[in-house]
N, C-alpha and C. Protein backbone atom coordinates (compact mmCIF):
# COMPACT_ATOMS: atom_id res chain seq x y z
N MET A 1 0.82 -1.20 0.00
CA MET A 1 0.00 0.00 0.00
C MET A 1 0.86 1.25 0.00
N LYS A 2 2.01 1.17 0.64
CA LYS A 2 2.92 2.32 0.71
C LYS A 2 3.40 2.70 -0.70
N GLU A 3 3.65 1.69 -1.53
CA GLU A 3 4.12 1.94 -2.90
C GLU A 3 3.02 2.59 -3.74
N ILE A 4 1.79 2.14 -3.55
CA ILE A 4 0.67 2.71 -4.28
C ILE A 4 0.48 4.17 -3.91
N LYS A 5 0.57 4.47 -2.61
CA LYS A 5 0.45 5.86 -2.17
C LYS A 5 1.57 6.72 -2.76
N ALA A 6 2.77 6.17 -2.85
CA ALA A 6 3.90 6.90 -3.41
C ALA A 6 3.68 7.19 -4.89
N ILE A 7 3.16 6.20 -5.62
CA ILE A 7 2.88 6.39 -7.05
C ILE A 7 1.82 7.47 -7.25
N VAL A 8 0.75 7.38 -6.49
CA VAL A 8 -0.33 8.37 -6.58
C VAL A 8 0.20 9.76 -6.26
N LYS A 9 1.03 9.85 -5.23
CA LYS A 9 1.59 11.16 -4.85
C LYS A 9 2.46 11.73 -5.97
N ILE A 10 3.27 10.89 -6.60
CA ILE A 10 4.12 11.35 -7.72
C ILE A 10 3.24 11.84 -8.87
N LEU A 11 2.23 11.06 -9.23
CA LEU A 11 1.35 11.45 -10.34
C LEU A 11 0.60 12.75 -10.02
N ASP A 12 0.09 12.86 -8.80
CA ASP A 12 -0.60 14.08 -8.39
C ASP A 12 0.35 15.28 -8.37
N ASN A 13 1.57 15.06 -7.94
CA ASN A 13 2.56 16.15 -7.91
C ASN A 13 2.91 16.63 -9.33
N ILE A 14 2.96 15.71 -10.28
CA ILE A 14 3.21 16.10 -11.67
C ILE A 14 2.07 16.99 -12.16
N SER A 15 0.85 16.60 -11.87
CA SER A 15 -0.31 17.41 -12.28
C SER A 15 -0.29 18.77 -11.59
N GLU A 16 0.01 18.76 -10.30
CA GLU A 16 0.07 20.02 -9.55
C GLU A 16 1.12 20.95 -10.12
N TRP A 17 2.31 20.40 -10.36
CA TRP A 17 3.41 21.19 -10.90
C TRP A 17 3.05 21.73 -12.29
N SER A 18 2.53 20.88 -13.16
CA SER A 18 2.21 21.33 -14.51
C SER A 18 1.12 22.41 -14.49
N GLY A 19 0.14 22.25 -13.64
CA GLY A 19 -0.91 23.26 -13.56
C GLY A 19 -0.40 24.60 -13.09
N LYS A 20 0.45 24.58 -12.08
CA LYS A 20 0.98 25.84 -11.55
C LYS A 20 1.97 26.50 -12.50
N VAL A 21 2.78 25.71 -13.16
CA VAL A 21 3.78 26.27 -14.08
C VAL A 21 3.12 26.77 -15.36
N PHE A 22 2.31 25.92 -15.99
CA PHE A 22 1.77 26.27 -17.30
C PHE A 22 0.60 27.24 -17.24
N SER A 23 0.03 27.44 -16.08
CA SER A 23 -1.01 28.47 -15.98
C SER A 23 -0.42 29.87 -16.15
N TRP A 24 0.89 29.99 -16.03
CA TRP A 24 1.53 31.28 -16.27
C TRP A 24 1.43 31.71 -17.72
N PHE A 25 1.07 30.79 -18.60
CA PHE A 25 0.84 31.17 -19.99
C PHE A 25 -0.28 32.21 -20.07
N ILE A 26 -1.23 32.16 -19.14
CA ILE A 26 -2.32 33.14 -19.14
C ILE A 26 -1.77 34.54 -18.91
N ILE A 27 -0.82 34.67 -17.99
CA ILE A 27 -0.20 35.97 -17.74
C ILE A 27 0.54 36.45 -19.00
N THR A 28 1.21 35.52 -19.67
CA THR A 28 1.91 35.86 -20.91
C THR A 28 0.92 36.33 -21.97
N ILE A 29 -0.21 35.66 -22.07
CA ILE A 29 -1.25 36.04 -23.03
C ILE A 29 -1.74 37.46 -22.74
N ILE A 30 -1.98 37.75 -21.48
CA ILE A 30 -2.46 39.08 -21.10
C ILE A 30 -1.40 40.13 -21.41
N ALA A 31 -0.14 39.84 -21.05
CA ALA A 31 0.94 40.80 -21.30
C ALA A 31 1.12 41.06 -22.80
N LEU A 32 1.10 40.01 -23.59
CA LEU A 32 1.27 40.19 -25.04
C LEU A 32 0.07 40.92 -25.65
N SER A 33 -1.12 40.63 -25.15
CA SER A 33 -2.31 41.35 -25.64
C SER A 33 -2.22 42.83 -25.35
N LEU A 34 -1.79 43.16 -24.13
CA LEU A 34 -1.62 44.57 -23.76
C LEU A 34 -0.54 45.23 -24.62
N TYR A 35 0.54 44.50 -24.84
CA TYR A 35 1.61 45.02 -25.69
C TYR A 35 1.11 45.30 -27.10
N GLU A 36 0.34 44.37 -27.65
CA GLU A 36 -0.19 44.55 -29.01
C GLU A 36 -1.15 45.73 -29.08
N VAL A 37 -2.00 45.87 -28.08
CA VAL A 37 -2.92 47.01 -28.07
C VAL A 37 -2.13 48.32 -27.98
N PHE A 38 -1.12 48.35 -27.12
CA PHE A 38 -0.29 49.55 -26.98
C PHE A 38 0.41 49.91 -28.30
N THR A 39 1.06 48.92 -28.91
CA THR A 39 1.80 49.22 -30.15
C THR A 39 0.86 49.53 -31.30
N ARG A 40 -0.28 48.89 -31.37
CA ARG A 40 -1.21 49.11 -32.47
C ARG A 40 -1.98 50.42 -32.30
N ARG A 41 -2.56 50.63 -31.14
CA ARG A 41 -3.46 51.79 -30.95
C ARG A 41 -2.72 53.08 -30.60
N LEU A 42 -1.72 52.99 -29.76
CA LEU A 42 -1.06 54.21 -29.32
C LEU A 42 0.14 54.58 -30.19
N LEU A 43 0.89 53.59 -30.63
CA LEU A 43 2.07 53.89 -31.44
C LEU A 43 1.80 53.79 -32.94
N GLY A 44 0.67 53.15 -33.30
CA GLY A 44 0.36 52.97 -34.70
C GLY A 44 1.31 52.02 -35.41
N ARG A 45 1.94 51.12 -34.66
CA ARG A 45 2.91 50.17 -35.21
C ARG A 45 2.58 48.75 -34.75
N PRO A 46 1.60 48.12 -35.39
CA PRO A 46 1.25 46.77 -34.98
C PRO A 46 2.38 45.78 -35.27
N THR A 47 2.38 44.70 -34.54
CA THR A 47 3.40 43.67 -34.75
C THR A 47 2.78 42.50 -35.52
N ILE A 48 3.63 41.72 -36.16
CA ILE A 48 3.12 40.55 -36.88
C ILE A 48 3.26 39.27 -36.07
N TRP A 49 3.95 39.32 -34.98
CA TRP A 49 4.26 38.10 -34.24
C TRP A 49 3.39 37.86 -33.01
N THR A 50 2.79 38.91 -32.44
CA THR A 50 2.08 38.72 -31.17
C THR A 50 0.87 37.81 -31.29
N HIS A 51 0.13 37.91 -32.36
CA HIS A 51 -1.07 37.08 -32.50
C HIS A 51 -0.72 35.59 -32.49
N GLU A 52 0.32 35.20 -33.18
CA GLU A 52 0.70 33.79 -33.22
C GLU A 52 1.25 33.32 -31.89
N ILE A 53 2.07 34.14 -31.25
CA ILE A 53 2.63 33.75 -29.95
C ILE A 53 1.50 33.63 -28.92
N ILE A 54 0.53 34.53 -28.97
CA ILE A 54 -0.63 34.45 -28.08
C ILE A 54 -1.39 33.13 -28.33
N ALA A 55 -1.56 32.77 -29.59
CA ALA A 55 -2.25 31.52 -29.90
C ALA A 55 -1.48 30.31 -29.36
N TYR A 56 -0.16 30.31 -29.50
CA TYR A 56 0.65 29.21 -28.97
C TYR A 56 0.55 29.15 -27.45
N CYS A 57 0.60 30.30 -26.80
CA CYS A 57 0.48 30.34 -25.34
C CYS A 57 -0.89 29.85 -24.89
N PHE A 58 -1.93 30.19 -25.65
CA PHE A 58 -3.27 29.72 -25.32
C PHE A 58 -3.34 28.20 -25.44
N CYS A 59 -2.75 27.66 -26.50
CA CYS A 59 -2.70 26.19 -26.65
C CYS A 59 -2.00 25.57 -25.45
N GLY A 60 -0.89 26.16 -25.05
CA GLY A 60 -0.16 25.65 -23.88
C GLY A 60 -0.98 25.74 -22.62
N ALA A 61 -1.65 26.86 -22.43
CA ALA A 61 -2.46 27.06 -21.23
C ALA A 61 -3.58 26.02 -21.14
N VAL A 62 -4.17 25.68 -22.26
CA VAL A 62 -5.27 24.72 -22.26
C VAL A 62 -4.75 23.29 -22.19
N LEU A 63 -3.86 22.94 -23.11
CA LEU A 63 -3.44 21.54 -23.23
C LEU A 63 -2.55 21.07 -22.08
N LEU A 64 -1.69 21.92 -21.59
CA LEU A 64 -0.75 21.48 -20.57
C LEU A 64 -1.32 21.52 -19.15
N THR A 65 -2.53 22.02 -19.01
CA THR A 65 -3.15 22.05 -17.69
C THR A 65 -4.39 21.15 -17.59
N ILE A 66 -4.63 20.31 -18.58
CA ILE A 66 -5.84 19.47 -18.50
C ILE A 66 -5.73 18.39 -17.43
N GLY A 67 -4.53 17.91 -17.15
CA GLY A 67 -4.34 16.96 -16.05
C GLY A 67 -4.61 17.62 -14.70
N TYR A 68 -4.12 18.83 -14.53
CA TYR A 68 -4.35 19.62 -13.32
C TYR A 68 -5.84 19.87 -13.14
N THR A 69 -6.51 20.18 -14.24
CA THR A 69 -7.95 20.44 -14.18
C THR A 69 -8.70 19.18 -13.77
N LEU A 70 -8.28 18.02 -14.28
CA LEU A 70 -8.91 16.77 -13.88
C LEU A 70 -8.67 16.48 -12.40
N LYS A 71 -7.47 16.77 -11.93
CA LYS A 71 -7.15 16.52 -10.52
C LYS A 71 -8.13 17.24 -9.60
N TYR A 72 -8.51 18.45 -9.97
CA TYR A 72 -9.43 19.23 -9.15
C TYR A 72 -10.88 19.12 -9.62
N ARG A 73 -11.12 18.19 -10.54
CA ARG A 73 -12.46 17.94 -11.07
C ARG A 73 -13.11 19.25 -11.52
N ALA A 74 -12.36 20.04 -12.26
CA ALA A 74 -12.83 21.36 -12.68
C ALA A 74 -13.30 21.40 -14.14
N HIS A 75 -13.31 20.25 -14.81
CA HIS A 75 -13.87 20.23 -16.16
C HIS A 75 -15.38 20.43 -16.07
N ALA A 76 -15.93 21.00 -17.11
CA ALA A 76 -17.37 21.22 -17.13
C ALA A 76 -18.09 19.87 -17.15
N ASN A 77 -19.08 19.75 -16.30
CA ASN A 77 -19.87 18.52 -16.28
C ASN A 77 -21.25 18.80 -15.71
N VAL A 78 -22.14 17.87 -15.93
CA VAL A 78 -23.48 17.95 -15.38
C VAL A 78 -23.56 16.87 -14.31
N ASP A 79 -23.65 17.30 -13.07
CA ASP A 79 -23.60 16.32 -12.00
C ASP A 79 -24.84 16.34 -11.10
N ILE A 80 -25.97 16.60 -11.68
CA ILE A 80 -27.21 16.63 -10.91
C ILE A 80 -27.50 15.25 -10.31
N ILE A 81 -27.38 14.21 -11.09
CA ILE A 81 -27.62 12.85 -10.60
C ILE A 81 -26.42 12.36 -9.80
N TYR A 82 -25.22 12.64 -10.29
CA TYR A 82 -23.97 12.15 -9.70
C TYR A 82 -23.85 12.55 -8.23
N GLU A 83 -24.19 13.79 -7.90
CA GLU A 83 -24.07 14.28 -6.53
C GLU A 83 -24.95 13.52 -5.55
N ASN A 84 -26.04 12.96 -6.03
CA ASN A 84 -26.99 12.26 -5.16
C ASN A 84 -26.66 10.77 -4.98
N LEU A 85 -25.60 10.30 -5.65
CA LEU A 85 -25.20 8.90 -5.54
C LEU A 85 -24.30 8.70 -4.33
N SER A 86 -24.21 7.46 -3.87
CA SER A 86 -23.31 7.15 -2.75
C SER A 86 -21.87 7.24 -3.24
N PRO A 87 -20.91 7.44 -2.32
CA PRO A 87 -19.51 7.53 -2.72
C PRO A 87 -19.01 6.31 -3.49
N LYS A 88 -19.46 5.11 -3.10
CA LYS A 88 -19.04 3.90 -3.83
C LYS A 88 -19.62 3.87 -5.24
N THR A 89 -20.87 4.27 -5.39
CA THR A 89 -21.47 4.32 -6.72
C THR A 89 -20.78 5.37 -7.56
N GLN A 90 -20.44 6.49 -6.95
CA GLN A 90 -19.70 7.53 -7.67
C GLN A 90 -18.36 6.98 -8.15
N ALA A 91 -17.68 6.23 -7.30
CA ALA A 91 -16.39 5.65 -7.67
C ALA A 91 -16.53 4.67 -8.83
N ILE A 92 -17.55 3.85 -8.79
CA ILE A 92 -17.80 2.90 -9.89
C ILE A 92 -18.10 3.64 -11.17
N LEU A 93 -18.96 4.65 -11.09
CA LEU A 93 -19.29 5.45 -12.27
C LEU A 93 -18.05 6.16 -12.82
N ASP A 94 -17.22 6.69 -11.93
CA ASP A 94 -15.96 7.33 -12.36
C ASP A 94 -15.06 6.34 -13.08
N LEU A 95 -14.94 5.13 -12.54
CA LEU A 95 -14.10 4.11 -13.18
C LEU A 95 -14.62 3.77 -14.58
N ILE A 96 -15.91 3.67 -14.71
CA ILE A 96 -16.49 3.36 -16.02
C ILE A 96 -16.24 4.49 -16.99
N THR A 97 -16.53 5.71 -16.58
CA THR A 97 -16.35 6.85 -17.50
C THR A 97 -14.88 7.11 -17.80
N TYR A 98 -14.02 6.93 -16.81
CA TYR A 98 -12.59 7.13 -17.04
C TYR A 98 -12.04 6.12 -18.04
N THR A 99 -12.42 4.87 -17.87
CA THR A 99 -11.83 3.85 -18.76
C THR A 99 -12.52 3.82 -20.13
N VAL A 100 -13.83 3.86 -20.15
CA VAL A 100 -14.54 3.73 -21.42
C VAL A 100 -14.48 5.01 -22.25
N PHE A 101 -14.83 6.13 -21.65
CA PHE A 101 -14.93 7.34 -22.43
C PHE A 101 -13.62 8.14 -22.44
N LEU A 102 -13.22 8.61 -21.28
CA LEU A 102 -12.02 9.44 -21.21
C LEU A 102 -10.77 8.65 -21.58
N GLY A 103 -10.70 7.40 -21.18
CA GLY A 103 -9.54 6.58 -21.49
C GLY A 103 -9.34 6.38 -22.98
N ILE A 104 -10.40 6.00 -23.67
CA ILE A 104 -10.30 5.80 -25.12
C ILE A 104 -9.97 7.11 -25.81
N PHE A 105 -10.66 8.18 -25.43
CA PHE A 105 -10.41 9.50 -25.99
C PHE A 105 -8.95 9.92 -25.80
N THR A 106 -8.42 9.69 -24.61
CA THR A 106 -7.05 10.07 -24.31
C THR A 106 -6.05 9.24 -25.10
N VAL A 107 -6.26 7.94 -25.17
CA VAL A 107 -5.34 7.07 -25.90
C VAL A 107 -5.32 7.43 -27.38
N VAL A 108 -6.49 7.64 -27.96
CA VAL A 108 -6.56 8.00 -29.38
C VAL A 108 -5.87 9.33 -29.63
N LEU A 109 -6.17 10.33 -28.81
CA LEU A 109 -5.55 11.64 -29.03
C LEU A 109 -4.06 11.62 -28.73
N LEU A 110 -3.64 10.82 -27.80
CA LEU A 110 -2.21 10.68 -27.53
C LEU A 110 -1.50 10.05 -28.72
N TYR A 111 -2.06 8.96 -29.22
CA TYR A 111 -1.47 8.26 -30.37
C TYR A 111 -1.47 9.15 -31.62
N GLU A 112 -2.62 9.70 -31.94
CA GLU A 112 -2.72 10.56 -33.13
C GLU A 112 -1.92 11.85 -32.95
N GLY A 113 -1.87 12.36 -31.73
CA GLY A 113 -1.11 13.57 -31.46
C GLY A 113 0.39 13.38 -31.66
N VAL A 114 0.89 12.20 -31.29
CA VAL A 114 2.31 11.90 -31.52
C VAL A 114 2.59 11.87 -33.02
N LYS A 115 1.71 11.21 -33.79
CA LYS A 115 1.89 11.19 -35.25
C LYS A 115 1.82 12.60 -35.84
N PHE A 116 0.86 13.37 -35.37
CA PHE A 116 0.65 14.75 -35.83
C PHE A 116 1.90 15.60 -35.56
N ALA A 117 2.41 15.52 -34.35
CA ALA A 117 3.59 16.30 -33.98
C ALA A 117 4.84 15.78 -34.70
N ALA A 118 4.98 14.47 -34.82
CA ALA A 118 6.16 13.89 -35.49
C ALA A 118 6.23 14.31 -36.95
N THR A 119 5.09 14.34 -37.60
CA THR A 119 5.05 14.78 -38.99
C THR A 119 5.49 16.24 -39.10
N SER A 120 5.01 17.05 -38.19
CA SER A 120 5.37 18.47 -38.18
C SER A 120 6.86 18.66 -37.91
N TRP A 121 7.40 17.88 -36.96
CA TRP A 121 8.83 17.96 -36.66
C TRP A 121 9.66 17.51 -37.85
N ALA A 122 9.23 16.45 -38.53
CA ALA A 122 9.98 15.93 -39.67
C ALA A 122 10.06 16.96 -40.80
N MET A 123 9.01 17.76 -40.95
CA MET A 123 8.98 18.79 -41.99
C MET A 123 9.58 20.11 -41.53
N LEU A 124 9.87 20.22 -40.23
CA LEU A 124 10.23 21.51 -39.62
C LEU A 124 9.20 22.56 -40.04
N GLU A 125 7.93 22.17 -39.85
CA GLU A 125 6.79 22.96 -40.33
C GLU A 125 6.78 24.38 -39.77
N ARG A 126 6.41 25.30 -40.62
CA ARG A 126 6.28 26.71 -40.25
C ARG A 126 4.87 27.18 -40.58
N THR A 127 4.48 28.29 -39.97
CA THR A 127 3.17 28.85 -40.27
C THR A 127 3.22 29.53 -41.63
N PRO A 128 2.09 29.59 -42.31
CA PRO A 128 2.07 30.26 -43.62
C PRO A 128 1.91 31.78 -43.52
N SER A 129 2.04 32.33 -42.33
CA SER A 129 1.84 33.76 -42.13
C SER A 129 3.12 34.55 -42.45
N ALA A 130 3.02 35.84 -42.35
CA ALA A 130 4.19 36.70 -42.57
C ALA A 130 5.25 36.47 -41.49
N PHE A 131 4.83 36.07 -40.32
CA PHE A 131 5.78 35.81 -39.23
C PHE A 131 6.58 34.54 -39.52
N ASN A 132 5.94 33.54 -40.14
CA ASN A 132 6.60 32.31 -40.58
C ASN A 132 7.34 31.60 -39.44
N PHE A 133 6.70 31.53 -38.30
CA PHE A 133 7.32 30.92 -37.13
C PHE A 133 7.17 29.40 -37.18
N TYR A 134 8.05 28.71 -36.48
CA TYR A 134 7.95 27.25 -36.38
C TYR A 134 6.66 26.86 -35.67
N ILE A 135 5.98 25.86 -36.21
CA ILE A 135 4.72 25.43 -35.62
C ILE A 135 4.83 24.09 -34.91
N PHE A 136 5.90 23.34 -35.17
CA PHE A 136 6.01 22.01 -34.57
C PHE A 136 6.08 22.02 -33.04
N PRO A 137 6.65 23.05 -32.38
CA PRO A 137 6.57 23.03 -30.92
C PRO A 137 5.13 23.13 -30.41
N ALA A 138 4.31 23.93 -31.08
CA ALA A 138 2.92 24.05 -30.67
C ALA A 138 2.16 22.75 -30.91
N LYS A 139 2.45 22.07 -32.00
CA LYS A 139 1.77 20.80 -32.27
C LYS A 139 2.20 19.72 -31.28
N THR A 140 3.36 19.88 -30.70
CA THR A 140 3.85 18.92 -29.71
C THR A 140 3.07 19.04 -28.41
N LEU A 141 2.45 20.19 -28.19
CA LEU A 141 1.67 20.38 -26.97
C LEU A 141 0.51 19.41 -26.87
N LEU A 142 -0.03 18.97 -28.01
CA LEU A 142 -1.17 18.06 -28.00
C LEU A 142 -0.82 16.72 -27.33
N PRO A 143 0.19 15.99 -27.81
CA PRO A 143 0.48 14.73 -27.12
C PRO A 143 1.01 14.92 -25.70
N VAL A 144 1.76 15.99 -25.46
CA VAL A 144 2.26 16.22 -24.10
C VAL A 144 1.10 16.48 -23.15
N GLY A 145 0.15 17.30 -23.58
CA GLY A 145 -1.02 17.59 -22.75
C GLY A 145 -1.84 16.34 -22.45
N PHE A 146 -2.04 15.51 -23.45
CA PHE A 146 -2.82 14.30 -23.22
C PHE A 146 -2.03 13.25 -22.44
N PHE A 147 -0.71 13.30 -22.50
CA PHE A 147 0.09 12.44 -21.64
C PHE A 147 -0.09 12.87 -20.18
N LEU A 148 -0.08 14.18 -19.93
CA LEU A 148 -0.31 14.68 -18.57
C LEU A 148 -1.71 14.31 -18.09
N LEU A 149 -2.69 14.37 -18.98
CA LEU A 149 -4.05 13.95 -18.62
C LEU A 149 -4.08 12.46 -18.29
N ALA A 150 -3.36 11.65 -19.07
CA ALA A 150 -3.32 10.20 -18.82
C ALA A 150 -2.69 9.90 -17.46
N LEU A 151 -1.66 10.66 -17.09
CA LEU A 151 -1.04 10.46 -15.78
C LEU A 151 -2.03 10.73 -14.66
N GLN A 152 -2.75 11.84 -14.76
CA GLN A 152 -3.72 12.17 -13.70
C GLN A 152 -4.89 11.20 -13.71
N MET A 153 -5.30 10.75 -14.88
CA MET A 153 -6.37 9.78 -14.97
C MET A 153 -5.94 8.47 -14.30
N THR A 154 -4.69 8.06 -14.50
CA THR A 154 -4.15 6.87 -13.85
C THR A 154 -4.18 7.02 -12.34
N SER A 155 -3.78 8.18 -11.85
CA SER A 155 -3.83 8.44 -10.41
C SER A 155 -5.25 8.33 -9.88
N ASP A 156 -6.19 8.93 -10.60
CA ASP A 156 -7.58 8.90 -10.16
C ASP A 156 -8.15 7.48 -10.18
N ILE A 157 -7.78 6.71 -11.20
CA ILE A 157 -8.25 5.32 -11.27
C ILE A 157 -7.72 4.51 -10.09
N ILE A 158 -6.44 4.70 -9.79
CA ILE A 158 -5.85 4.00 -8.64
C ILE A 158 -6.59 4.39 -7.36
N LYS A 159 -6.86 5.67 -7.18
CA LYS A 159 -7.58 6.13 -5.99
C LYS A 159 -8.97 5.49 -5.88
N LYS A 160 -9.67 5.43 -7.01
CA LYS A 160 -11.03 4.86 -7.01
C LYS A 160 -10.99 3.35 -6.70
N VAL A 161 -10.04 2.63 -7.29
CA VAL A 161 -9.93 1.20 -7.04
C VAL A 161 -9.60 0.93 -5.58
N VAL A 162 -8.65 1.68 -5.02
CA VAL A 162 -8.30 1.51 -3.60
C VAL A 162 -9.52 1.81 -2.72
N PHE A 163 -10.25 2.85 -3.06
CA PHE A 163 -11.45 3.19 -2.29
C PHE A 163 -12.47 2.06 -2.35
N LEU A 164 -12.67 1.50 -3.53
CA LEU A 164 -13.66 0.43 -3.67
C LEU A 164 -13.21 -0.86 -2.96
N LEU A 165 -11.92 -1.15 -3.02
CA LEU A 165 -11.44 -2.40 -2.41
C LEU A 165 -11.20 -2.30 -0.91
N LYS A 166 -10.68 -1.15 -0.46
CA LYS A 166 -10.30 -1.04 0.94
C LYS A 166 -11.13 -0.01 1.72
N GLY A 167 -11.92 0.80 1.00
CA GLY A 167 -12.70 1.84 1.67
C GLY A 167 -11.86 3.01 2.13
N GLU A 168 -10.63 3.07 1.66
CA GLU A 168 -9.69 4.11 2.08
C GLU A 168 -9.50 5.14 0.95
N ARG A 169 -9.54 6.41 1.29
CA ARG A 169 -9.29 7.46 0.30
C ARG A 169 -7.82 7.85 0.33
N LEU A 170 -7.22 7.85 -0.84
CA LEU A 170 -5.82 8.24 -0.95
C LEU A 170 -5.69 9.74 -1.21
């Protein structure tokens, strides 16, 4: 049991760390948006790079924090019925939805995301805009984000199984 708790703690710490670190992309988005407004409206000199960098930061903010969001159960959901169920029934329902729905979705997006990013890396793909920035780092965020989601989902599944078998919350 000590090993299981250690594994869960490591997985939860990865989600916690990624959420706290990558949420700073939001601050970057705000700062770049303010910079663009200042240069465009007050100086009359818009930039060609801020829009793309903001989009990349937004992708990072969303994709790299989905594991953190799952850890705190902050994804949008309808839980009118779920809240009225017993904790054991909730755990069973969570296991079913995690493995059948979220699990399949995560595995497919992780697999396809790796192919998507690898193709972009192989081409050293760039955007077709005037900025012509590299796009493969942004495409890499997809499999990395879903890998982080898979880690947190694994932690949650372990917690639910332990709860169902031993009645203990990790």
